[in-house]
Amino acid sequence: MLSWFQALMPKEAKFFDLYERHAQTLVAGSRALRSVLDGGPDIAANCALVSARENEADAVTREVMLAVRRTFITPFDRGDIQDLIASMDDAIDQMQQTTKAIQLFEVREFDAAMREMGDLIVKAADLTVDLVAALRQMRRETARLNEMTEEMTRIEDMSDQLHDKGIKSLFLANRDSNAMAFIVGSEIYGHLEKVVDRFEDVAIRINGILIEHI
């Protein structure tokens, strides 16, 4: 009886609004991170921007978690709602971890492959905006959601290739002279790769929700 009654009740739409707000922090954070990778005198300021966007994202995440507890009817499973916002938050947390490493090791110049990975991070963030927007009408947008999930996988594959290429270049450039430069560079490459991995996790979460409800 309760399930029948719940089926007739309107679903709470605030979660989609919150997802979209969070996705915008991902876009802003990704662009600030990309600016960091250009080097120059504004590195510290751009790192601070990433941290500011991470704080904004945390606030949205808290709103989602509170809304889950207070909302009687949710658009899909409560666990899925929480897991999705957590995976989105992981993406910007990893951006912040990247900038923390950059500041800790006082990195001022970045390889071309690092900048290319930064470009992919921006693409992944933009794609996440489209993914969460399409989630509002998942039945109507099924094909498009599947296409975007596949595109995110391609972005992650390109990131892996750039990571491997960058590590190889670092090794060849520093194997006989500067082991610390290799260690630090490898650390930055690892963080950048993890950012893209976290975006792929978001797409996988959304695809899982789609499978459950279509």
N, C-alpha and C. Protein backbone atom coordinates (compact mmCIF):
# COMPACT_ATOMS: atom_id res chain seq x y z
N MET A 1 0.83 -1.20 0.00
CA MET A 1 0.00 0.00 0.00
C MET A 1 0.87 1.25 0.00
N LEU A 2 1.90 1.23 0.85
CA LEU A 2 2.79 2.38 0.92
C LEU A 2 3.50 2.62 -0.40
N SER A 3 3.98 1.55 -1.05
CA SER A 3 4.68 1.71 -2.33
C SER A 3 3.76 2.30 -3.39
N TRP A 4 2.46 1.89 -3.36
CA TRP A 4 1.49 2.43 -4.31
C TRP A 4 1.28 3.92 -4.07
N PHE A 5 1.19 4.30 -2.78
CA PHE A 5 1.00 5.69 -2.43
C PHE A 5 2.21 6.53 -2.85
N GLN A 6 3.39 6.01 -2.60
CA GLN A 6 4.62 6.73 -2.96
C GLN A 6 4.73 6.92 -4.47
N ALA A 7 4.26 5.94 -5.23
CA ALA A 7 4.33 6.05 -6.69
C ALA A 7 3.48 7.20 -7.21
N LEU A 8 2.41 7.53 -6.48
CA LEU A 8 1.53 8.62 -6.89
C LEU A 8 2.05 9.99 -6.47
N MET A 9 2.92 10.02 -5.48
CA MET A 9 3.43 11.29 -4.97
C MET A 9 4.47 11.87 -5.92
N PRO A 10 4.52 13.19 -6.07
CA PRO A 10 5.55 13.81 -6.92
C PRO A 10 6.93 13.60 -6.33
N LYS A 11 7.90 13.34 -7.17
CA LYS A 11 9.27 13.16 -6.72
C LYS A 11 9.87 14.53 -6.37
N GLU A 12 10.74 14.56 -5.37
CA GLU A 12 11.38 15.79 -4.95
C GLU A 12 12.48 16.16 -5.96
N ALA A 13 12.36 17.35 -6.56
CA ALA A 13 13.28 17.75 -7.64
C ALA A 13 14.51 18.48 -7.12
N LYS A 14 14.55 18.83 -5.84
CA LYS A 14 15.65 19.63 -5.33
C LYS A 14 17.01 18.95 -5.53
N PHE A 15 17.02 17.62 -5.55
CA PHE A 15 18.28 16.91 -5.69
C PHE A 15 18.94 17.22 -7.03
N PHE A 16 18.14 17.31 -8.09
CA PHE A 16 18.71 17.64 -9.40
C PHE A 16 19.29 19.05 -9.39
N ASP A 17 18.62 19.98 -8.73
CA ASP A 17 19.15 21.34 -8.61
C ASP A 17 20.49 21.33 -7.89
N LEU A 18 20.58 20.54 -6.83
CA LEU A 18 21.82 20.47 -6.06
C LEU A 18 22.94 19.82 -6.85
N TYR A 19 22.61 18.76 -7.59
CA TYR A 19 23.62 18.14 -8.45
C TYR A 19 24.17 19.14 -9.46
N GLU A 20 23.27 19.92 -10.04
CA GLU A 20 23.71 20.89 -11.05
C GLU A 20 24.55 22.00 -10.43
N ARG A 21 24.19 22.42 -9.22
CA ARG A 21 25.02 23.40 -8.52
C ARG A 21 26.41 22.84 -8.25
N HIS A 22 26.45 21.61 -7.80
CA HIS A 22 27.75 20.99 -7.52
C HIS A 22 28.57 20.85 -8.80
N ALA A 23 27.92 20.46 -9.88
CA ALA A 23 28.63 20.31 -11.15
C ALA A 23 29.28 21.62 -11.59
N GLN A 24 28.63 22.74 -11.29
CA GLN A 24 29.21 24.03 -11.65
C GLN A 24 30.47 24.32 -10.83
N THR A 25 30.53 23.83 -9.60
CA THR A 25 31.77 23.99 -8.83
C THR A 25 32.89 23.16 -9.44
N LEU A 26 32.52 22.01 -10.01
CA LEU A 26 33.52 21.17 -10.68
C LEU A 26 34.09 21.88 -11.90
N VAL A 27 33.22 22.54 -12.65
CA VAL A 27 33.68 23.28 -13.83
C VAL A 27 34.60 24.41 -13.42
N ALA A 28 34.18 25.18 -12.43
CA ALA A 28 35.01 26.31 -11.97
C ALA A 28 36.34 25.81 -11.41
N GLY A 29 36.30 24.73 -10.63
CA GLY A 29 37.53 24.18 -10.09
C GLY A 29 38.46 23.65 -11.17
N SER A 30 37.89 23.02 -12.19
CA SER A 30 38.72 22.47 -13.27
C SER A 30 39.42 23.58 -14.05
N ARG A 31 38.72 24.69 -14.25
CA ARG A 31 39.32 25.79 -14.98
C ARG A 31 40.43 26.47 -14.16
N ALA A 32 40.22 26.56 -12.85
CA ALA A 32 41.26 27.12 -12.00
C ALA A 32 42.49 26.20 -11.98
N LEU A 33 42.25 24.89 -11.92
CA LEU A 33 43.36 23.94 -11.96
C LEU A 33 44.10 24.03 -13.28
N ARG A 34 43.37 24.17 -14.37
CA ARG A 34 44.02 24.31 -15.68
C ARG A 34 44.89 25.56 -15.72
N SER A 35 44.43 26.63 -15.09
CA SER A 35 45.23 27.86 -15.04
C SER A 35 46.49 27.66 -14.21
N VAL A 36 46.40 26.86 -13.15
CA VAL A 36 47.58 26.52 -12.35
C VAL A 36 48.65 25.90 -13.24
N LEU A 37 48.22 25.02 -14.14
CA LEU A 37 49.16 24.27 -14.98
C LEU A 37 49.83 25.13 -16.05
N ASP A 38 49.36 26.37 -16.20
CA ASP A 38 50.04 27.30 -17.09
C ASP A 38 51.27 27.91 -16.42
N GLY A 39 51.38 27.71 -15.10
CA GLY A 39 52.53 28.25 -14.37
C GLY A 39 52.42 29.76 -14.21
N GLY A 40 53.56 30.41 -14.05
CA GLY A 40 53.56 31.86 -13.93
C GLY A 40 53.29 32.35 -12.52
N PRO A 41 53.10 33.66 -12.37
CA PRO A 41 52.99 34.27 -11.03
C PRO A 41 51.65 34.04 -10.34
N ASP A 42 50.66 33.50 -11.06
CA ASP A 42 49.31 33.37 -10.49
C ASP A 42 49.02 31.97 -9.94
N ILE A 43 50.04 31.16 -9.80
CA ILE A 43 49.81 29.78 -9.33
C ILE A 43 49.10 29.77 -7.98
N ALA A 44 49.62 30.53 -7.02
CA ALA A 44 49.04 30.53 -5.68
C ALA A 44 47.60 31.00 -5.69
N ALA A 45 47.32 32.03 -6.47
CA ALA A 45 45.95 32.56 -6.54
C ALA A 45 45.01 31.54 -7.15
N ASN A 46 45.46 30.84 -8.17
CA ASN A 46 44.62 29.83 -8.81
C ASN A 46 44.43 28.61 -7.92
N CYS A 47 45.46 28.25 -7.16
CA CYS A 47 45.31 27.16 -6.18
C CYS A 47 44.26 27.54 -5.14
N ALA A 48 44.27 28.81 -4.73
CA ALA A 48 43.28 29.28 -3.76
C ALA A 48 41.87 29.20 -4.34
N LEU A 49 41.74 29.45 -5.64
CA LEU A 49 40.44 29.34 -6.29
C LEU A 49 39.92 27.91 -6.27
N VAL A 50 40.82 26.96 -6.49
CA VAL A 50 40.42 25.55 -6.43
C VAL A 50 39.90 25.23 -5.03
N SER A 51 40.60 25.69 -4.01
CA SER A 51 40.18 25.44 -2.63
C SER A 51 38.83 26.08 -2.33
N ALA A 52 38.62 27.28 -2.86
CA ALA A 52 37.34 27.97 -2.65
C ALA A 52 36.19 27.19 -3.29
N ARG A 53 36.43 26.68 -4.51
CA ARG A 53 35.38 25.89 -5.17
C ARG A 53 35.15 24.58 -4.42
N GLU A 54 36.20 24.02 -3.84
CA GLU A 54 36.04 22.78 -3.06
C GLU A 54 35.18 23.03 -1.83
N ASN A 55 35.35 24.18 -1.22
CA ASN A 55 34.52 24.52 -0.06
C ASN A 55 33.05 24.68 -0.46
N GLU A 56 32.83 25.30 -1.61
CA GLU A 56 31.46 25.46 -2.11
C GLU A 56 30.84 24.08 -2.39
N ALA A 57 31.63 23.21 -2.98
CA ALA A 57 31.14 21.86 -3.29
C ALA A 57 30.78 21.10 -2.01
N ASP A 58 31.60 21.26 -0.97
CA ASP A 58 31.31 20.60 0.31
C ASP A 58 29.97 21.08 0.87
N ALA A 59 29.70 22.37 0.73
CA ALA A 59 28.44 22.91 1.24
C ALA A 59 27.25 22.29 0.50
N VAL A 60 27.37 22.11 -0.81
CA VAL A 60 26.30 21.49 -1.59
C VAL A 60 26.14 20.03 -1.17
N THR A 61 27.24 19.35 -0.98
CA THR A 61 27.19 17.95 -0.56
C THR A 61 26.45 17.81 0.77
N ARG A 62 26.74 18.70 1.69
CA ARG A 62 26.03 18.66 2.98
C ARG A 62 24.53 18.88 2.79
N GLU A 63 24.16 19.78 1.88
CA GLU A 63 22.74 20.00 1.61
C GLU A 63 22.07 18.74 1.09
N VAL A 64 22.77 18.03 0.21
CA VAL A 64 22.21 16.79 -0.33
C VAL A 64 22.01 15.76 0.78
N MET A 65 23.01 15.59 1.60
CA MET A 65 22.92 14.60 2.68
C MET A 65 21.79 14.94 3.65
N LEU A 66 21.60 16.22 3.93
CA LEU A 66 20.52 16.64 4.81
C LEU A 66 19.17 16.42 4.14
N ALA A 67 19.08 16.75 2.85
CA ALA A 67 17.83 16.59 2.12
C ALA A 67 17.41 15.13 2.04
N VAL A 68 18.37 14.23 1.91
CA VAL A 68 18.05 12.79 1.87
C VAL A 68 17.32 12.37 3.14
N ARG A 69 17.76 12.90 4.27
CA ARG A 69 17.15 12.53 5.54
C ARG A 69 15.77 13.16 5.73
N ARG A 70 15.57 14.33 5.11
CA ARG A 70 14.33 15.08 5.36
C ARG A 70 13.26 14.88 4.29
N THR A 71 13.61 14.28 3.18
CA THR A 71 12.68 14.15 2.06
C THR A 71 11.99 12.80 2.09
N PHE A 72 10.66 12.83 2.01
CA PHE A 72 9.88 11.59 2.06
C PHE A 72 9.99 10.81 0.75
N ILE A 73 9.80 11.51 -0.37
CA ILE A 73 9.87 10.89 -1.69
C ILE A 73 11.12 11.39 -2.40
N THR A 74 11.99 10.48 -2.82
CA THR A 74 13.20 10.85 -3.54
C THR A 74 13.12 10.37 -4.99
N PRO A 75 13.83 11.03 -5.91
CA PRO A 75 13.72 10.67 -7.33
C PRO A 75 14.27 9.29 -7.65
N PHE A 76 15.22 8.81 -6.85
CA PHE A 76 15.72 7.45 -6.96
C PHE A 76 16.28 7.04 -5.62
N ASP A 77 16.83 5.86 -5.54
CA ASP A 77 17.26 5.27 -4.27
C ASP A 77 18.14 6.23 -3.46
N ARG A 78 17.88 6.29 -2.16
CA ARG A 78 18.62 7.20 -1.29
C ARG A 78 20.13 6.90 -1.29
N GLY A 79 20.45 5.62 -1.31
CA GLY A 79 21.86 5.26 -1.36
C GLY A 79 22.52 5.76 -2.64
N ASP A 80 21.80 5.68 -3.76
CA ASP A 80 22.34 6.18 -5.03
C ASP A 80 22.51 7.70 -5.00
N ILE A 81 21.57 8.39 -4.38
CA ILE A 81 21.67 9.84 -4.25
C ILE A 81 22.94 10.22 -3.50
N GLN A 82 23.18 9.53 -2.39
CA GLN A 82 24.36 9.82 -1.58
C GLN A 82 25.65 9.43 -2.29
N ASP A 83 25.64 8.28 -2.94
CA ASP A 83 26.85 7.81 -3.63
C ASP A 83 27.22 8.73 -4.78
N LEU A 84 26.21 9.25 -5.49
CA LEU A 84 26.51 10.11 -6.63
C LEU A 84 27.13 11.43 -6.17
N ILE A 85 26.53 12.07 -5.17
CA ILE A 85 27.11 13.34 -4.73
C ILE A 85 28.48 13.12 -4.11
N ALA A 86 28.68 11.98 -3.47
CA ALA A 86 30.00 11.68 -2.89
C ALA A 86 31.05 11.51 -3.98
N SER A 87 30.68 10.86 -5.08
CA SER A 87 31.65 10.67 -6.16
C SER A 87 31.95 12.00 -6.85
N MET A 88 30.94 12.87 -6.97
CA MET A 88 31.18 14.21 -7.52
C MET A 88 32.12 14.99 -6.61
N ASP A 89 31.90 14.88 -5.30
CA ASP A 89 32.74 15.60 -4.36
C ASP A 89 34.17 15.06 -4.37
N ASP A 90 34.32 13.76 -4.61
CA ASP A 90 35.66 13.18 -4.70
C ASP A 90 36.47 13.83 -5.83
N ALA A 91 35.77 14.20 -6.92
CA ALA A 91 36.47 14.79 -8.06
C ALA A 91 37.11 16.12 -7.69
N ILE A 92 36.35 16.98 -7.01
CA ILE A 92 36.93 18.28 -6.66
C ILE A 92 37.89 18.16 -5.48
N ASP A 93 37.65 17.18 -4.60
CA ASP A 93 38.63 16.92 -3.54
C ASP A 93 39.98 16.56 -4.14
N GLN A 94 39.96 15.76 -5.20
CA GLN A 94 41.21 15.36 -5.83
C GLN A 94 41.87 16.53 -6.56
N MET A 95 41.08 17.45 -7.09
CA MET A 95 41.66 18.67 -7.66
C MET A 95 42.41 19.44 -6.58
N GLN A 96 41.79 19.55 -5.41
CA GLN A 96 42.45 20.25 -4.31
C GLN A 96 43.71 19.52 -3.87
N GLN A 97 43.67 18.20 -3.82
CA GLN A 97 44.87 17.44 -3.47
C GLN A 97 45.99 17.70 -4.48
N THR A 98 45.62 17.86 -5.73
CA THR A 98 46.62 18.16 -6.77
C THR A 98 47.29 19.50 -6.50
N THR A 99 46.49 20.52 -6.21
CA THR A 99 47.07 21.85 -5.96
C THR A 99 47.87 21.86 -4.66
N LYS A 100 47.45 21.07 -3.68
CA LYS A 100 48.24 20.98 -2.44
C LYS A 100 49.62 20.41 -2.72
N ALA A 101 49.68 19.38 -3.56
CA ALA A 101 50.97 18.79 -3.92
C ALA A 101 51.83 19.79 -4.68
N ILE A 102 51.21 20.54 -5.57
CA ILE A 102 51.94 21.55 -6.35
C ILE A 102 52.55 22.60 -5.43
N GLN A 103 51.78 23.03 -4.44
CA GLN A 103 52.29 24.03 -3.50
C GLN A 103 53.33 23.43 -2.56
N LEU A 104 53.09 22.20 -2.11
CA LEU A 104 54.03 21.55 -1.19
C LEU A 104 55.41 21.41 -1.82
N PHE A 105 55.45 21.00 -3.08
CA PHE A 105 56.72 20.77 -3.76
C PHE A 105 57.21 22.00 -4.52
N GLU A 106 56.47 23.10 -4.39
CA GLU A 106 56.86 24.37 -5.00
C GLU A 106 57.10 24.24 -6.50
N VAL A 107 56.20 23.54 -7.17
CA VAL A 107 56.31 23.35 -8.61
C VAL A 107 55.89 24.64 -9.31
N ARG A 108 56.69 25.09 -10.25
CA ARG A 108 56.40 26.35 -10.95
C ARG A 108 56.28 26.17 -12.46
N GLU A 109 56.76 25.05 -12.95
CA GLU A 109 56.68 24.78 -14.39
C GLU A 109 56.08 23.39 -14.59
N PHE A 110 55.31 23.25 -15.67
CA PHE A 110 54.58 22.02 -15.90
C PHE A 110 54.79 21.52 -17.33
N ASP A 111 54.89 20.21 -17.46
CA ASP A 111 55.10 19.60 -18.77
C ASP A 111 53.88 19.80 -19.66
N ALA A 112 54.12 19.71 -20.97
CA ALA A 112 53.03 19.83 -21.92
C ALA A 112 51.96 18.76 -21.68
N ALA A 113 52.40 17.54 -21.34
CA ALA A 113 51.43 16.47 -21.10
C ALA A 113 50.57 16.76 -19.87
N MET A 114 51.14 17.44 -18.87
CA MET A 114 50.34 17.84 -17.71
C MET A 114 49.26 18.83 -18.13
N ARG A 115 49.63 19.77 -18.98
CA ARG A 115 48.63 20.75 -19.44
C ARG A 115 47.54 20.07 -20.27
N GLU A 116 47.94 19.08 -21.07
CA GLU A 116 46.95 18.33 -21.84
C GLU A 116 46.00 17.57 -20.92
N MET A 117 46.54 17.03 -19.84
CA MET A 117 45.68 16.36 -18.87
C MET A 117 44.74 17.37 -18.21
N GLY A 118 45.24 18.57 -17.99
CA GLY A 118 44.37 19.64 -17.48
C GLY A 118 43.24 19.95 -18.43
N ASP A 119 43.52 19.94 -19.73
CA ASP A 119 42.47 20.15 -20.73
C ASP A 119 41.41 19.05 -20.64
N LEU A 120 41.86 17.82 -20.43
CA LEU A 120 40.92 16.71 -20.32
C LEU A 120 40.07 16.83 -19.06
N ILE A 121 40.66 17.34 -18.00
CA ILE A 121 39.90 17.54 -16.77
C ILE A 121 38.78 18.55 -16.99
N VAL A 122 39.08 19.61 -17.72
CA VAL A 122 38.04 20.60 -18.04
C VAL A 122 36.94 19.96 -18.88
N LYS A 123 37.33 19.15 -19.86
CA LYS A 123 36.33 18.45 -20.68
C LYS A 123 35.46 17.53 -19.84
N ALA A 124 36.10 16.82 -18.91
CA ALA A 124 35.35 15.90 -18.05
C ALA A 124 34.37 16.66 -17.16
N ALA A 125 34.78 17.82 -16.66
CA ALA A 125 33.90 18.64 -15.83
C ALA A 125 32.71 19.14 -16.64
N ASP A 126 32.97 19.63 -17.84
CA ASP A 126 31.89 20.09 -18.72
C ASP A 126 30.92 18.96 -19.03
N LEU A 127 31.46 17.78 -19.26
CA LEU A 127 30.63 16.62 -19.57
C LEU A 127 29.79 16.22 -18.36
N THR A 128 30.34 16.39 -17.17
CA THR A 128 29.58 16.09 -15.96
C THR A 128 28.36 16.99 -15.82
N VAL A 129 28.51 18.25 -16.19
CA VAL A 129 27.36 19.17 -16.19
C VAL A 129 26.25 18.62 -17.07
N ASP A 130 26.62 18.15 -18.26
CA ASP A 130 25.62 17.61 -19.19
C ASP A 130 25.01 16.31 -18.65
N LEU A 131 25.83 15.49 -18.01
CA LEU A 131 25.34 14.22 -17.46
C LEU A 131 24.29 14.45 -16.38
N VAL A 132 24.58 15.33 -15.44
CA VAL A 132 23.62 15.52 -14.34
C VAL A 132 22.38 16.25 -14.83
N ALA A 133 22.52 17.10 -15.86
CA ALA A 133 21.34 17.75 -16.42
C ALA A 133 20.43 16.73 -17.09
N ALA A 134 21.02 15.80 -17.82
CA ALA A 134 20.24 14.76 -18.51
C ALA A 134 19.59 13.79 -17.53
N LEU A 135 20.15 13.69 -16.33
CA LEU A 135 19.61 12.77 -15.33
C LEU A 135 18.18 13.15 -14.92
N ARG A 136 17.83 14.41 -15.05
CA ARG A 136 16.46 14.85 -14.73
C ARG A 136 15.42 14.09 -15.55
N GLN A 137 15.75 13.83 -16.81
CA GLN A 137 14.84 13.15 -17.73
C GLN A 137 15.49 11.87 -18.22
N MET A 138 15.88 11.00 -17.27
CA MET A 138 16.71 9.86 -17.64
C MET A 138 16.03 8.93 -18.64
N ARG A 139 14.71 8.77 -18.54
CA ARG A 139 14.03 7.89 -19.49
C ARG A 139 14.08 8.45 -20.90
N ARG A 140 13.90 9.74 -21.00
CA ARG A 140 13.94 10.39 -22.31
C ARG A 140 15.36 10.50 -22.84
N GLU A 141 16.33 10.61 -21.93
CA GLU A 141 17.72 10.88 -22.31
C GLU A 141 18.61 9.65 -22.23
N THR A 142 18.00 8.47 -22.24
CA THR A 142 18.77 7.24 -22.06
C THR A 142 19.92 7.11 -23.06
N ALA A 143 19.63 7.28 -24.32
CA ALA A 143 20.66 7.12 -25.35
C ALA A 143 21.78 8.15 -25.17
N ARG A 144 21.39 9.37 -24.88
CA ARG A 144 22.39 10.43 -24.71
C ARG A 144 23.24 10.17 -23.47
N LEU A 145 22.63 9.71 -22.39
CA LEU A 145 23.39 9.40 -21.19
C LEU A 145 24.40 8.29 -21.46
N ASN A 146 23.99 7.29 -22.22
CA ASN A 146 24.92 6.21 -22.57
C ASN A 146 26.08 6.74 -23.41
N GLU A 147 25.78 7.61 -24.35
CA GLU A 147 26.83 8.20 -25.21
C GLU A 147 27.81 9.01 -24.38
N MET A 148 27.29 9.79 -23.44
CA MET A 148 28.17 10.63 -22.62
C MET A 148 29.02 9.78 -21.69
N THR A 149 28.47 8.69 -21.18
CA THR A 149 29.27 7.78 -20.35
C THR A 149 30.43 7.20 -21.16
N GLU A 150 30.15 6.82 -22.40
CA GLU A 150 31.21 6.31 -23.28
C GLU A 150 32.25 7.38 -23.56
N GLU A 151 31.81 8.62 -23.72
CA GLU A 151 32.75 9.72 -23.96
C GLU A 151 33.65 9.93 -22.74
N MET A 152 33.08 9.81 -21.54
CA MET A 152 33.89 9.97 -20.33
C MET A 152 34.94 8.86 -20.26
N THR A 153 34.57 7.67 -20.66
CA THR A 153 35.54 6.57 -20.69
C THR A 153 36.68 6.87 -21.67
N ARG A 154 36.34 7.45 -22.81
CA ARG A 154 37.39 7.83 -23.78
C ARG A 154 38.31 8.90 -23.19
N ILE A 155 37.74 9.86 -22.47
CA ILE A 155 38.56 10.89 -21.83
C ILE A 155 39.51 10.26 -20.82
N GLU A 156 39.00 9.31 -20.05
CA GLU A 156 39.84 8.63 -19.06
C GLU A 156 40.95 7.84 -19.74
N ASP A 157 40.64 7.19 -20.87
CA ASP A 157 41.66 6.45 -21.60
C ASP A 157 42.76 7.39 -22.11
N MET A 158 42.37 8.55 -22.64
CA MET A 158 43.36 9.52 -23.12
C MET A 158 44.22 10.03 -21.97
N SER A 159 43.60 10.21 -20.80
CA SER A 159 44.35 10.65 -19.63
C SER A 159 45.39 9.61 -19.23
N ASP A 160 45.01 8.34 -19.25
CA ASP A 160 45.96 7.27 -18.94
C ASP A 160 47.15 7.30 -19.89
N GLN A 161 46.87 7.50 -21.17
CA GLN A 161 47.95 7.53 -22.16
C GLN A 161 48.90 8.71 -21.92
N LEU A 162 48.31 9.87 -21.60
CA LEU A 162 49.14 11.04 -21.32
C LEU A 162 49.97 10.83 -20.05
N HIS A 163 49.36 10.21 -19.06
CA HIS A 163 50.08 9.92 -17.82
C HIS A 163 51.31 9.05 -18.11
N ASP A 164 51.11 7.98 -18.86
CA ASP A 164 52.22 7.07 -19.16
C ASP A 164 53.29 7.76 -20.00
N LYS A 165 52.84 8.55 -20.97
CA LYS A 165 53.78 9.29 -21.82
C LYS A 165 54.60 10.28 -20.98
N GLY A 166 53.91 10.96 -20.06
CA GLY A 166 54.60 11.94 -19.22
C GLY A 166 55.61 11.30 -18.29
N ILE A 167 55.23 10.18 -17.68
CA ILE A 167 56.15 9.48 -16.77
C ILE A 167 57.39 9.01 -17.53
N LYS A 168 57.18 8.50 -18.73
CA LYS A 168 58.30 8.05 -19.54
C LYS A 168 59.24 9.21 -19.87
N SER A 169 58.67 10.34 -20.24
CA SER A 169 59.50 11.52 -20.56
C SER A 169 60.27 12.01 -19.34
N LEU A 170 59.60 12.00 -18.19
CA LEU A 170 60.28 12.39 -16.96
C LEU A 170 61.47 11.48 -16.67
N PHE A 171 61.26 10.20 -16.84
CA PHE A 171 62.33 9.23 -16.57
C PHE A 171 63.52 9.46 -17.49
N LEU A 172 63.24 9.63 -18.79
CA LEU A 172 64.33 9.82 -19.74
C LEU A 172 65.08 11.12 -19.49
N ALA A 173 64.35 12.15 -19.04
CA ALA A 173 64.99 13.45 -18.82
C ALA A 173 65.78 13.51 -17.52
N ASN A 174 65.42 12.66 -16.55
CA ASN A 174 66.02 12.83 -15.22
C ASN A 174 66.73 11.59 -14.66
N ARG A 175 66.80 10.51 -15.43
CA ARG A 175 67.35 9.28 -14.85
C ARG A 175 68.81 9.38 -14.47
N ASP A 176 69.56 10.27 -15.11
CA ASP A 176 70.99 10.37 -14.82
C ASP A 176 71.35 11.61 -14.02
N SER A 177 70.35 12.43 -13.67
CA SER A 177 70.73 13.71 -13.08
C SER A 177 69.88 14.15 -11.89
N ASN A 178 68.56 14.01 -11.97
CA ASN A 178 67.71 14.64 -10.96
C ASN A 178 66.56 13.72 -10.57
N ALA A 179 66.85 12.83 -9.63
CA ALA A 179 65.82 11.87 -9.19
C ALA A 179 64.64 12.57 -8.53
N MET A 180 64.90 13.67 -7.81
CA MET A 180 63.82 14.37 -7.13
C MET A 180 62.84 14.97 -8.13
N ALA A 181 63.34 15.47 -9.25
CA ALA A 181 62.45 16.03 -10.27
C ALA A 181 61.53 14.94 -10.81
N PHE A 182 62.06 13.73 -10.95
CA PHE A 182 61.23 12.62 -11.41
C PHE A 182 60.16 12.27 -10.38
N ILE A 183 60.55 12.24 -9.11
CA ILE A 183 59.61 11.88 -8.04
C ILE A 183 58.48 12.90 -7.95
N VAL A 184 58.85 14.18 -7.97
CA VAL A 184 57.83 15.24 -7.86
C VAL A 184 56.93 15.25 -9.09
N GLY A 185 57.53 15.14 -10.27
CA GLY A 185 56.73 15.12 -11.49
C GLY A 185 55.77 13.95 -11.52
N SER A 186 56.26 12.79 -11.07
CA SER A 186 55.40 11.60 -11.04
C SER A 186 54.23 11.80 -10.10
N GLU A 187 54.48 12.47 -8.99
CA GLU A 187 53.41 12.76 -8.02
C GLU A 187 52.32 13.63 -8.65
N ILE A 188 52.73 14.65 -9.38
CA ILE A 188 51.74 15.54 -10.02
C ILE A 188 50.96 14.78 -11.09
N TYR A 189 51.66 14.01 -11.89
CA TYR A 189 50.97 13.20 -12.91
C TYR A 189 49.95 12.26 -12.25
N GLY A 190 50.35 11.64 -11.14
CA GLY A 190 49.45 10.73 -10.46
C GLY A 190 48.19 11.42 -9.97
N HIS A 191 48.34 12.62 -9.44
CA HIS A 191 47.17 13.36 -8.96
C HIS A 191 46.25 13.75 -10.12
N LEU A 192 46.83 14.20 -11.20
CA LEU A 192 46.01 14.60 -12.35
C LEU A 192 45.23 13.40 -12.90
N GLU A 193 45.90 12.25 -12.96
CA GLU A 193 45.21 11.05 -13.45
C GLU A 193 44.04 10.69 -12.52
N LYS A 194 44.24 10.85 -11.22
CA LYS A 194 43.18 10.52 -10.27
C LYS A 194 41.98 11.45 -10.42
N VAL A 195 42.21 12.70 -10.77
CA VAL A 195 41.09 13.61 -11.00
C VAL A 195 40.19 13.07 -12.10
N VAL A 196 40.80 12.68 -13.21
CA VAL A 196 40.01 12.15 -14.33
C VAL A 196 39.33 10.84 -13.93
N ASP A 197 40.03 10.02 -13.16
CA ASP A 197 39.42 8.77 -12.67
C ASP A 197 38.16 9.05 -11.86
N ARG A 198 38.21 10.10 -11.04
CA ARG A 198 37.05 10.42 -10.21
C ARG A 198 35.87 10.88 -11.08
N PHE A 199 36.16 11.59 -12.15
CA PHE A 199 35.08 11.97 -13.07
C PHE A 199 34.48 10.75 -13.74
N GLU A 200 35.32 9.78 -14.09
CA GLU A 200 34.78 8.56 -14.66
C GLU A 200 33.89 7.85 -13.64
N ASP A 201 34.26 7.89 -12.38
CA ASP A 201 33.43 7.30 -11.33
C ASP A 201 32.04 7.93 -11.31
N VAL A 202 31.98 9.24 -11.51
CA VAL A 202 30.69 9.93 -11.56
C VAL A 202 29.84 9.38 -12.70
N ALA A 203 30.44 9.26 -13.87
CA ALA A 203 29.71 8.73 -15.03
C ALA A 203 29.23 7.31 -14.78
N ILE A 204 30.06 6.51 -14.14
CA ILE A 204 29.68 5.12 -13.83
C ILE A 204 28.52 5.09 -12.86
N ARG A 205 28.54 5.97 -11.87
CA ARG A 205 27.43 6.06 -10.92
C ARG A 205 26.13 6.40 -11.63
N ILE A 206 26.20 7.38 -12.51
CA ILE A 206 25.00 7.80 -13.23
C ILE A 206 24.50 6.68 -14.13
N ASN A 207 25.42 5.97 -14.78
CA ASN A 207 25.03 4.85 -15.62
C ASN A 207 24.36 3.75 -14.79
N GLY A 208 24.86 3.54 -13.57
CA GLY A 208 24.25 2.55 -12.70
C GLY A 208 22.83 2.93 -12.31
N ILE A 209 22.60 4.21 -12.03
CA ILE A 209 21.25 4.69 -11.72
C ILE A 209 20.34 4.49 -12.93
N LEU A 210 20.87 4.76 -14.10
CA LEU A 210 20.09 4.60 -15.33
C LEU A 210 19.67 3.14 -15.51
N ILE A 211 20.58 2.23 -15.30
CA ILE A 211 20.29 0.80 -15.46
C ILE A 211 19.19 0.35 -14.50
N GLU A 212 19.23 0.88 -13.28
CA GLU A 212 18.25 0.49 -12.27
C GLU A 212 16.85 1.00 -12.56
N HIS A 213 16.74 2.10 -13.30
CA HIS A 213 15.44 2.76 -13.43
C HIS A 213 14.86 2.72 -14.84
N ILE A 214 15.56 2.13 -15.77
CA ILE A 214 15.03 2.07 -17.15
C ILE A 214 14.55 0.63 -17.44
